[in-house]
Amino acid sequence: MKQIDIICNDKIYTELLCLELSDRGYKTSDKNSGRADVILIEADYHGNENTVTFSKKEGADLVRPFDIEELVSLIESKNIKESFFDELYVSQSGCYAVYKENEISLTELEHKILCCLYEAKGEYVTAEELAARFFDGEDKNTVRVYISYLRNKLDESFGIKFIYTARGKGYKLVRS
């Protein structure tokens, strides 16, 4: 069952859309659950209202009003594969992560960095972005240290490599 998060300022519209999609067998949320297969955002990157955009994509996929069948067809065409993101859960409120029902405790900064990588869903996050976001723009060495801490905890606890590094691109979560 696909998890669909709907992020929209129009609460009534969001509730109706959640109900429609729930009736069709989807799990829905009116906020970012952190576990979504599809995130619908009602506004494109240029601030145009009444558009539905799938996460991390520029330009509107649909413009409101639209037929619910159009939306369902678009969701189904997104070829969302089962991934380790379905097995990995990073708590939004506590400093821990769970992979295949095994919990690992994290420090506050490790948790924040892991959340950032998790929310990127397999896209790269640069060391500069992480440094600016969590370390007041300090040099990238601090980021490397915390990535190392995370790798030690995750790799040792779960026995797989979680964080992939690409020179010039940054870090991303993968299962290898």
N, C-alpha and C. Protein backbone atom coordinates (compact mmCIF):
# COMPACT_ATOMS: atom_id res chain seq x y z
N MET A 1 0.85 -1.18 0.00
CA MET A 1 0.00 0.00 0.00
C MET A 1 0.89 1.23 0.00
N LYS A 2 0.66 2.14 -0.92
CA LYS A 2 1.46 3.35 -1.02
C LYS A 2 1.04 4.39 0.01
N GLN A 3 2.02 5.03 0.62
CA GLN A 3 1.79 6.14 1.54
C GLN A 3 1.88 7.43 0.74
N ILE A 4 0.85 8.25 0.83
CA ILE A 4 0.82 9.52 0.11
C ILE A 4 0.65 10.64 1.12
N ASP A 5 1.61 11.56 1.13
CA ASP A 5 1.52 12.75 1.97
C ASP A 5 1.07 13.91 1.10
N ILE A 6 0.09 14.65 1.59
CA ILE A 6 -0.47 15.77 0.84
C ILE A 6 -0.18 17.04 1.62
N ILE A 7 0.61 17.91 1.04
CA ILE A 7 1.00 19.15 1.71
C ILE A 7 0.32 20.30 0.97
N CYS A 8 -0.60 20.94 1.66
CA CYS A 8 -1.43 21.96 1.00
C CYS A 8 -1.95 22.92 2.06
N ASN A 9 -2.08 24.19 1.70
CA ASN A 9 -2.61 25.17 2.64
C ASN A 9 -4.13 25.10 2.78
N ASP A 10 -4.79 24.56 1.78
CA ASP A 10 -6.25 24.45 1.78
C ASP A 10 -6.64 23.17 2.53
N LYS A 11 -6.97 23.31 3.83
CA LYS A 11 -7.24 22.15 4.69
C LYS A 11 -8.44 21.33 4.23
N ILE A 12 -9.49 22.00 3.78
CA ILE A 12 -10.68 21.27 3.32
C ILE A 12 -10.34 20.45 2.08
N TYR A 13 -9.64 21.06 1.15
CA TYR A 13 -9.22 20.36 -0.07
C TYR A 13 -8.34 19.16 0.30
N THR A 14 -7.42 19.35 1.22
CA THR A 14 -6.52 18.28 1.65
C THR A 14 -7.31 17.13 2.26
N GLU A 15 -8.28 17.45 3.14
CA GLU A 15 -9.09 16.40 3.75
C GLU A 15 -9.88 15.63 2.71
N LEU A 16 -10.47 16.34 1.76
CA LEU A 16 -11.24 15.66 0.70
C LEU A 16 -10.34 14.76 -0.14
N LEU A 17 -9.17 15.26 -0.48
CA LEU A 17 -8.24 14.46 -1.26
C LEU A 17 -7.77 13.24 -0.48
N CYS A 18 -7.50 13.42 0.82
CA CYS A 18 -7.12 12.28 1.68
C CYS A 18 -8.23 11.23 1.71
N LEU A 19 -9.46 11.68 1.87
CA LEU A 19 -10.60 10.75 1.90
C LEU A 19 -10.74 10.00 0.58
N GLU A 20 -10.66 10.73 -0.53
CA GLU A 20 -10.78 10.10 -1.85
C GLU A 20 -9.71 9.03 -2.05
N LEU A 21 -8.47 9.38 -1.70
CA LEU A 21 -7.36 8.45 -1.91
C LEU A 21 -7.42 7.29 -0.91
N SER A 22 -7.88 7.56 0.31
CA SER A 22 -8.05 6.48 1.30
C SER A 22 -9.10 5.49 0.84
N ASP A 23 -10.18 5.99 0.26
CA ASP A 23 -11.22 5.11 -0.27
C ASP A 23 -10.70 4.22 -1.39
N ARG A 24 -9.65 4.66 -2.05
CA ARG A 24 -9.06 3.89 -3.15
C ARG A 24 -7.91 3.00 -2.68
N GLY A 25 -7.71 2.91 -1.35
CA GLY A 25 -6.73 1.98 -0.80
C GLY A 25 -5.35 2.54 -0.52
N TYR A 26 -5.21 3.85 -0.57
CA TYR A 26 -3.92 4.46 -0.24
C TYR A 26 -3.90 4.89 1.21
N LYS A 27 -2.72 4.86 1.82
CA LYS A 27 -2.52 5.44 3.14
C LYS A 27 -2.20 6.90 2.92
N THR A 28 -2.88 7.80 3.61
CA THR A 28 -2.67 9.22 3.38
C THR A 28 -2.36 9.96 4.67
N SER A 29 -1.71 11.10 4.50
CA SER A 29 -1.41 11.98 5.62
C SER A 29 -1.48 13.41 5.12
N ASP A 30 -1.89 14.32 6.00
CA ASP A 30 -1.97 15.73 5.61
C ASP A 30 -0.73 16.51 6.03
N LYS A 31 0.36 15.79 6.31
CA LYS A 31 1.63 16.42 6.63
C LYS A 31 2.75 15.50 6.18
N ASN A 32 3.96 15.95 6.28
CA ASN A 32 5.09 15.14 5.87
C ASN A 32 5.35 14.07 6.93
N SER A 33 4.99 12.84 6.61
CA SER A 33 5.13 11.74 7.56
C SER A 33 6.56 11.22 7.64
N GLY A 34 7.35 11.52 6.62
CA GLY A 34 8.71 11.00 6.57
C GLY A 34 8.78 9.60 6.03
N ARG A 35 7.63 9.00 5.71
CA ARG A 35 7.61 7.62 5.21
C ARG A 35 6.84 7.51 3.91
N ALA A 36 6.64 8.63 3.21
CA ALA A 36 5.77 8.63 2.03
C ALA A 36 6.46 8.03 0.81
N ASP A 37 5.65 7.33 0.00
CA ASP A 37 6.09 6.90 -1.32
C ASP A 37 5.93 8.05 -2.30
N VAL A 38 4.88 8.83 -2.09
CA VAL A 38 4.58 9.97 -2.97
C VAL A 38 4.21 11.15 -2.08
N ILE A 39 4.76 12.30 -2.40
CA ILE A 39 4.38 13.52 -1.70
C ILE A 39 3.76 14.45 -2.73
N LEU A 40 2.54 14.86 -2.46
CA LEU A 40 1.86 15.81 -3.33
C LEU A 40 1.97 17.18 -2.69
N ILE A 41 2.41 18.13 -3.46
CA ILE A 41 2.54 19.49 -2.96
C ILE A 41 1.66 20.37 -3.82
N GLU A 42 0.75 21.10 -3.18
CA GLU A 42 -0.14 21.95 -3.97
C GLU A 42 0.44 23.35 -4.07
N ALA A 43 1.38 23.48 -4.95
CA ALA A 43 2.03 24.74 -5.35
C ALA A 43 3.35 24.33 -5.96
N ASP A 44 3.66 24.87 -7.12
CA ASP A 44 4.92 24.53 -7.74
C ASP A 44 6.03 25.40 -7.16
N TYR A 45 7.23 25.19 -7.63
CA TYR A 45 8.38 25.89 -7.08
C TYR A 45 8.34 27.39 -7.33
N HIS A 46 7.49 27.82 -8.24
CA HIS A 46 7.38 29.25 -8.54
C HIS A 46 6.22 29.88 -7.79
N GLY A 47 5.58 29.14 -6.88
CA GLY A 47 4.52 29.68 -6.05
C GLY A 47 3.16 29.71 -6.72
N ASN A 48 3.01 29.06 -7.86
CA ASN A 48 1.70 29.04 -8.53
C ASN A 48 0.75 28.13 -7.77
N GLU A 49 -0.38 28.67 -7.34
CA GLU A 49 -1.34 27.87 -6.59
C GLU A 49 -2.14 26.98 -7.53
N ASN A 50 -2.89 26.07 -6.94
CA ASN A 50 -3.75 25.15 -7.66
C ASN A 50 -3.00 24.20 -8.58
N THR A 51 -1.78 23.87 -8.23
CA THR A 51 -1.03 22.88 -8.97
C THR A 51 -0.69 21.73 -8.04
N VAL A 52 -0.53 20.56 -8.59
CA VAL A 52 -0.10 19.40 -7.83
C VAL A 52 1.22 18.95 -8.42
N THR A 53 2.22 18.91 -7.59
CA THR A 53 3.57 18.56 -8.03
C THR A 53 4.06 17.40 -7.19
N PHE A 54 4.64 16.41 -7.84
CA PHE A 54 5.24 15.33 -7.10
C PHE A 54 6.57 15.81 -6.55
N SER A 55 6.96 15.25 -5.42
CA SER A 55 8.13 15.76 -4.72
C SER A 55 9.36 15.78 -5.61
N LYS A 56 10.20 16.80 -5.37
CA LYS A 56 11.48 16.96 -6.04
C LYS A 56 11.35 17.03 -7.55
N LYS A 57 10.30 17.61 -8.03
CA LYS A 57 10.13 17.74 -9.48
C LYS A 57 9.68 19.15 -9.78
N GLU A 58 10.30 19.78 -10.76
CA GLU A 58 9.89 21.13 -11.12
C GLU A 58 8.73 21.06 -12.10
N GLY A 59 7.87 22.05 -12.04
CA GLY A 59 6.73 22.11 -12.94
C GLY A 59 5.56 21.32 -12.38
N ALA A 60 4.39 21.74 -12.77
CA ALA A 60 3.18 21.10 -12.25
C ALA A 60 2.88 19.83 -13.02
N ASP A 61 2.49 18.78 -12.29
CA ASP A 61 2.03 17.56 -12.93
C ASP A 61 0.54 17.68 -13.27
N LEU A 62 -0.20 18.33 -12.40
CA LEU A 62 -1.63 18.57 -12.62
C LEU A 62 -1.97 19.97 -12.17
N VAL A 63 -2.99 20.55 -12.78
CA VAL A 63 -3.47 21.85 -12.36
C VAL A 63 -4.91 21.68 -11.93
N ARG A 64 -5.24 22.24 -10.76
CA ARG A 64 -6.59 22.12 -10.21
C ARG A 64 -7.53 23.05 -10.95
N PRO A 65 -8.77 22.68 -11.20
CA PRO A 65 -9.40 21.40 -10.82
C PRO A 65 -8.97 20.28 -11.77
N PHE A 66 -8.92 19.07 -11.22
CA PHE A 66 -8.58 17.90 -12.01
C PHE A 66 -9.47 16.75 -11.55
N ASP A 67 -9.57 15.76 -12.39
CA ASP A 67 -10.35 14.58 -12.08
C ASP A 67 -9.50 13.66 -11.19
N ILE A 68 -10.10 13.07 -10.17
CA ILE A 68 -9.37 12.20 -9.25
C ILE A 68 -8.73 11.03 -10.00
N GLU A 69 -9.37 10.59 -11.08
CA GLU A 69 -8.82 9.49 -11.88
C GLU A 69 -7.48 9.91 -12.51
N GLU A 70 -7.35 11.18 -12.88
CA GLU A 70 -6.08 11.68 -13.42
C GLU A 70 -4.98 11.57 -12.37
N LEU A 71 -5.34 11.94 -11.15
CA LEU A 71 -4.37 11.90 -10.06
C LEU A 71 -3.95 10.46 -9.77
N VAL A 72 -4.91 9.56 -9.65
CA VAL A 72 -4.61 8.15 -9.37
C VAL A 72 -3.75 7.56 -10.48
N SER A 73 -4.08 7.88 -11.72
CA SER A 73 -3.30 7.39 -12.85
C SER A 73 -1.86 7.90 -12.78
N LEU A 74 -1.71 9.15 -12.42
CA LEU A 74 -0.38 9.73 -12.29
C LEU A 74 0.41 9.08 -11.15
N ILE A 75 -0.26 8.83 -10.02
CA ILE A 75 0.39 8.17 -8.88
C ILE A 75 0.86 6.78 -9.29
N GLU A 76 0.01 6.05 -9.95
CA GLU A 76 0.33 4.68 -10.35
C GLU A 76 1.43 4.64 -11.41
N SER A 77 1.56 5.69 -12.21
CA SER A 77 2.58 5.69 -13.25
C SER A 77 3.96 6.05 -12.72
N LYS A 78 4.07 6.37 -11.44
CA LYS A 78 5.33 6.82 -10.87
C LYS A 78 6.31 5.69 -10.58
N ASN A 79 5.98 4.45 -10.84
CA ASN A 79 6.90 3.33 -10.67
C ASN A 79 7.67 3.38 -9.37
N ILE A 80 6.97 3.43 -8.30
CA ILE A 80 7.61 3.49 -6.99
C ILE A 80 7.91 2.07 -6.55
N LYS A 81 9.19 1.79 -6.41
CA LYS A 81 9.62 0.45 -6.04
C LYS A 81 9.72 0.36 -4.53
N GLU A 82 9.56 -0.85 -4.03
CA GLU A 82 9.83 -1.07 -2.62
C GLU A 82 11.31 -0.77 -2.41
N SER A 83 11.61 -0.06 -1.40
CA SER A 83 13.01 0.29 -1.16
C SER A 83 13.31 0.12 0.32
N PHE A 84 14.56 0.31 0.64
CA PHE A 84 14.89 0.19 2.05
C PHE A 84 14.30 1.34 2.84
N PHE A 85 13.83 2.41 2.16
CA PHE A 85 13.15 3.49 2.87
C PHE A 85 11.84 2.99 3.49
N ASP A 86 11.30 1.89 2.94
CA ASP A 86 10.11 1.29 3.53
C ASP A 86 10.45 0.54 4.82
N GLU A 87 11.71 0.13 4.94
CA GLU A 87 12.14 -0.62 6.12
C GLU A 87 12.85 0.26 7.14
N LEU A 88 13.29 1.43 6.71
CA LEU A 88 14.00 2.35 7.58
C LEU A 88 13.03 3.41 8.08
N TYR A 89 13.06 3.65 9.38
CA TYR A 89 12.24 4.70 9.97
C TYR A 89 13.13 5.58 10.81
N VAL A 90 13.11 6.86 10.55
CA VAL A 90 13.85 7.83 11.35
C VAL A 90 12.81 8.64 12.12
N SER A 91 12.84 8.55 13.41
CA SER A 91 11.88 9.25 14.26
C SER A 91 11.98 10.75 14.04
N GLN A 92 10.82 11.41 13.95
CA GLN A 92 10.80 12.86 13.83
C GLN A 92 10.84 13.53 15.20
N SER A 93 10.46 12.81 16.24
CA SER A 93 10.38 13.42 17.57
C SER A 93 11.47 12.97 18.53
N GLY A 94 11.99 11.77 18.34
CA GLY A 94 13.03 11.26 19.23
C GLY A 94 14.33 11.05 18.47
N CYS A 95 15.40 10.87 19.18
CA CYS A 95 16.72 10.69 18.56
C CYS A 95 17.02 9.21 18.36
N TYR A 96 16.31 8.59 17.42
CA TYR A 96 16.57 7.19 17.12
C TYR A 96 16.11 6.86 15.69
N ALA A 97 16.60 5.75 15.21
CA ALA A 97 16.20 5.22 13.92
C ALA A 97 15.88 3.74 14.10
N VAL A 98 15.01 3.23 13.24
CA VAL A 98 14.64 1.82 13.30
C VAL A 98 14.80 1.25 11.89
N TYR A 99 15.52 0.14 11.81
CA TYR A 99 15.67 -0.57 10.54
C TYR A 99 15.31 -2.02 10.79
N LYS A 100 14.31 -2.50 10.05
CA LYS A 100 13.83 -3.89 10.21
C LYS A 100 13.59 -4.22 11.67
N GLU A 101 12.90 -3.34 12.36
CA GLU A 101 12.49 -3.50 13.75
C GLU A 101 13.63 -3.47 14.77
N ASN A 102 14.84 -3.05 14.34
CA ASN A 102 15.97 -2.90 15.24
C ASN A 102 16.21 -1.42 15.45
N GLU A 103 16.22 -0.99 16.71
CA GLU A 103 16.36 0.42 17.03
C GLU A 103 17.80 0.78 17.35
N ILE A 104 18.22 1.96 16.91
CA ILE A 104 19.55 2.48 17.23
C ILE A 104 19.40 3.90 17.77
N SER A 105 20.05 4.18 18.90
CA SER A 105 20.01 5.52 19.49
C SER A 105 21.00 6.43 18.79
N LEU A 106 20.62 7.70 18.66
CA LEU A 106 21.45 8.70 18.00
C LEU A 106 21.58 9.93 18.88
N THR A 107 22.69 10.65 18.70
CA THR A 107 22.79 11.95 19.37
C THR A 107 21.90 12.92 18.60
N GLU A 108 21.70 14.09 19.16
CA GLU A 108 20.81 15.08 18.51
C GLU A 108 21.33 15.47 17.12
N LEU A 109 22.62 15.74 17.00
CA LEU A 109 23.18 16.13 15.70
C LEU A 109 23.18 14.97 14.70
N GLU A 110 23.50 13.77 15.16
CA GLU A 110 23.43 12.60 14.28
C GLU A 110 22.01 12.43 13.76
N HIS A 111 21.04 12.60 14.64
CA HIS A 111 19.64 12.47 14.28
C HIS A 111 19.25 13.51 13.23
N LYS A 112 19.65 14.75 13.44
CA LYS A 112 19.30 15.82 12.49
C LYS A 112 19.91 15.54 11.11
N ILE A 113 21.15 15.11 11.08
CA ILE A 113 21.80 14.81 9.80
C ILE A 113 21.12 13.63 9.12
N LEU A 114 20.83 12.58 9.88
CA LEU A 114 20.17 11.41 9.31
C LEU A 114 18.78 11.77 8.80
N CYS A 115 18.05 12.61 9.53
CA CYS A 115 16.73 13.07 9.06
C CYS A 115 16.86 13.79 7.72
N CYS A 116 17.86 14.64 7.62
CA CYS A 116 18.07 15.39 6.38
C CYS A 116 18.34 14.44 5.21
N LEU A 117 19.20 13.46 5.43
CA LEU A 117 19.50 12.48 4.38
C LEU A 117 18.27 11.62 4.06
N TYR A 118 17.53 11.26 5.08
CA TYR A 118 16.33 10.44 4.90
C TYR A 118 15.28 11.19 4.08
N GLU A 119 15.08 12.46 4.41
CA GLU A 119 14.08 13.26 3.69
C GLU A 119 14.46 13.48 2.23
N ALA A 120 15.76 13.39 1.92
CA ALA A 120 16.21 13.55 0.54
C ALA A 120 15.90 12.31 -0.31
N LYS A 121 15.50 11.21 0.33
CA LYS A 121 15.08 9.97 -0.34
C LYS A 121 16.00 9.55 -1.48
N GLY A 122 17.28 9.40 -1.16
CA GLY A 122 18.21 8.89 -2.16
C GLY A 122 18.86 9.95 -3.02
N GLU A 123 18.54 11.20 -2.83
CA GLU A 123 19.20 12.30 -3.55
C GLU A 123 20.40 12.76 -2.73
N TYR A 124 21.38 13.31 -3.40
CA TYR A 124 22.57 13.79 -2.70
C TYR A 124 22.30 15.05 -1.90
N VAL A 125 22.95 15.14 -0.74
CA VAL A 125 22.96 16.34 0.10
C VAL A 125 24.43 16.69 0.27
N THR A 126 24.80 17.91 -0.10
CA THR A 126 26.21 18.28 -0.05
C THR A 126 26.67 18.55 1.38
N ALA A 127 27.97 18.42 1.57
CA ALA A 127 28.56 18.72 2.87
C ALA A 127 28.35 20.19 3.22
N GLU A 128 28.38 21.05 2.21
CA GLU A 128 28.15 22.48 2.44
C GLU A 128 26.75 22.73 2.97
N GLU A 129 25.76 22.02 2.38
CA GLU A 129 24.37 22.17 2.86
C GLU A 129 24.25 21.73 4.31
N LEU A 130 24.86 20.60 4.63
CA LEU A 130 24.80 20.09 6.00
C LEU A 130 25.52 21.02 6.97
N ALA A 131 26.68 21.53 6.56
CA ALA A 131 27.43 22.45 7.42
C ALA A 131 26.64 23.73 7.67
N ALA A 132 26.03 24.26 6.62
CA ALA A 132 25.25 25.50 6.77
C ALA A 132 24.03 25.27 7.64
N ARG A 133 23.41 24.13 7.49
CA ARG A 133 22.17 23.84 8.20
C ARG A 133 22.37 23.50 9.68
N PHE A 134 23.43 22.76 9.98
CA PHE A 134 23.58 22.23 11.34
C PHE A 134 24.80 22.73 12.11
N PHE A 135 25.76 23.32 11.42
CA PHE A 135 26.99 23.72 12.08
C PHE A 135 27.34 25.18 11.82
N ASP A 136 26.36 26.01 11.60
CA ASP A 136 26.58 27.44 11.37
C ASP A 136 27.64 27.72 10.33
N GLY A 137 27.67 26.90 9.29
CA GLY A 137 28.59 27.11 8.18
C GLY A 137 30.03 26.74 8.47
N GLU A 138 30.28 26.03 9.58
CA GLU A 138 31.65 25.59 9.88
C GLU A 138 32.20 24.78 8.71
N ASP A 139 33.49 24.51 8.74
CA ASP A 139 34.07 23.77 7.63
C ASP A 139 33.46 22.38 7.52
N LYS A 140 33.68 21.78 6.36
CA LYS A 140 33.07 20.48 6.06
C LYS A 140 33.65 19.34 6.88
N ASN A 141 34.78 19.56 7.55
CA ASN A 141 35.38 18.49 8.35
C ASN A 141 34.46 18.06 9.49
N THR A 142 33.73 19.00 10.08
CA THR A 142 32.79 18.66 11.15
C THR A 142 31.70 17.74 10.60
N VAL A 143 31.23 18.03 9.39
CA VAL A 143 30.22 17.18 8.76
C VAL A 143 30.80 15.78 8.55
N ARG A 144 32.01 15.70 8.06
CA ARG A 144 32.65 14.39 7.83
C ARG A 144 32.74 13.58 9.13
N VAL A 145 33.05 14.26 10.20
CA VAL A 145 33.14 13.57 11.50
C VAL A 145 31.79 12.98 11.88
N TYR A 146 30.71 13.76 11.75
CA TYR A 146 29.39 13.25 12.12
C TYR A 146 28.89 12.18 11.16
N ILE A 147 29.23 12.29 9.89
CA ILE A 147 28.89 11.22 8.93
C ILE A 147 29.61 9.94 9.36
N SER A 148 30.86 10.08 9.80
CA SER A 148 31.63 8.93 10.28
C SER A 148 30.96 8.30 11.51
N TYR A 149 30.51 9.15 12.45
CA TYR A 149 29.79 8.64 13.62
C TYR A 149 28.54 7.86 13.20
N LEU A 150 27.80 8.44 12.27
CA LEU A 150 26.58 7.77 11.79
C LEU A 150 26.91 6.44 11.13
N ARG A 151 27.92 6.45 10.29
CA ARG A 151 28.31 5.20 9.61
C ARG A 151 28.68 4.13 10.63
N ASN A 152 29.46 4.52 11.64
CA ASN A 152 29.86 3.54 12.66
C ASN A 152 28.63 2.95 13.35
N LYS A 153 27.70 3.79 13.73
CA LYS A 153 26.51 3.29 14.44
C LYS A 153 25.63 2.45 13.54
N LEU A 154 25.33 2.95 12.34
CA LEU A 154 24.40 2.25 11.46
C LEU A 154 25.01 0.98 10.88
N ASP A 155 26.21 1.09 10.34
CA ASP A 155 26.84 -0.07 9.71
C ASP A 155 27.08 -1.19 10.71
N GLU A 156 27.55 -0.84 11.92
CA GLU A 156 27.81 -1.85 12.93
C GLU A 156 26.52 -2.47 13.45
N SER A 157 25.49 -1.65 13.63
CA SER A 157 24.23 -2.15 14.18
C SER A 157 23.46 -3.01 13.18
N PHE A 158 23.47 -2.60 11.92
CA PHE A 158 22.61 -3.28 10.95
C PHE A 158 23.37 -4.12 9.93
N GLY A 159 24.69 -3.99 9.90
CA GLY A 159 25.50 -4.83 9.03
C GLY A 159 25.43 -4.50 7.55
N ILE A 160 24.96 -3.32 7.18
CA ILE A 160 24.97 -2.89 5.79
C ILE A 160 25.44 -1.45 5.71
N LYS A 161 25.90 -1.05 4.54
CA LYS A 161 26.34 0.33 4.35
C LYS A 161 25.12 1.19 4.02
N PHE A 162 24.92 2.26 4.80
CA PHE A 162 23.76 3.13 4.63
C PHE A 162 24.08 4.44 3.90
N ILE A 163 25.24 5.00 4.15
CA ILE A 163 25.54 6.33 3.63
C ILE A 163 26.60 6.21 2.54
N TYR A 164 26.24 6.68 1.37
CA TYR A 164 27.12 6.65 0.21
C TYR A 164 27.66 8.06 -0.01
N THR A 165 28.94 8.15 -0.34
CA THR A 165 29.59 9.44 -0.61
C THR A 165 30.05 9.47 -2.06
N ALA A 166 29.76 10.57 -2.74
CA ALA A 166 30.27 10.78 -4.10
C ALA A 166 31.01 12.11 -4.10
N ARG A 167 32.26 12.06 -4.47
CA ARG A 167 33.09 13.27 -4.50
C ARG A 167 32.44 14.33 -5.38
N GLY A 168 32.29 15.52 -4.83
CA GLY A 168 31.72 16.63 -5.56
C GLY A 168 30.19 16.68 -5.54
N LYS A 169 29.55 15.59 -5.07
CA LYS A 169 28.08 15.55 -5.02
C LYS A 169 27.56 15.59 -3.59
N GLY A 170 28.21 14.85 -2.70
CA GLY A 170 27.76 14.84 -1.31
C GLY A 170 27.46 13.45 -0.80
N TYR A 171 26.45 13.38 0.07
CA TYR A 171 26.08 12.14 0.75
C TYR A 171 24.63 11.80 0.42
N LYS A 172 24.35 10.50 0.37
CA LYS A 172 22.96 10.07 0.23
C LYS A 172 22.79 8.73 0.93
N LEU A 173 21.54 8.46 1.30
CA LEU A 173 21.22 7.18 1.92
C LEU A 173 20.94 6.16 0.84
N VAL A 174 21.59 5.02 0.96
CA VAL A 174 21.35 3.88 0.08
C VAL A 174 21.53 2.62 0.91
N ARG A 175 21.10 1.53 0.39
CA ARG A 175 21.36 0.24 1.05
C ARG A 175 22.29 -0.53 0.13
N SER A 176 23.43 -0.88 0.64
CA SER A 176 24.36 -1.67 -0.19
C SER A 176 24.96 -2.79 0.61
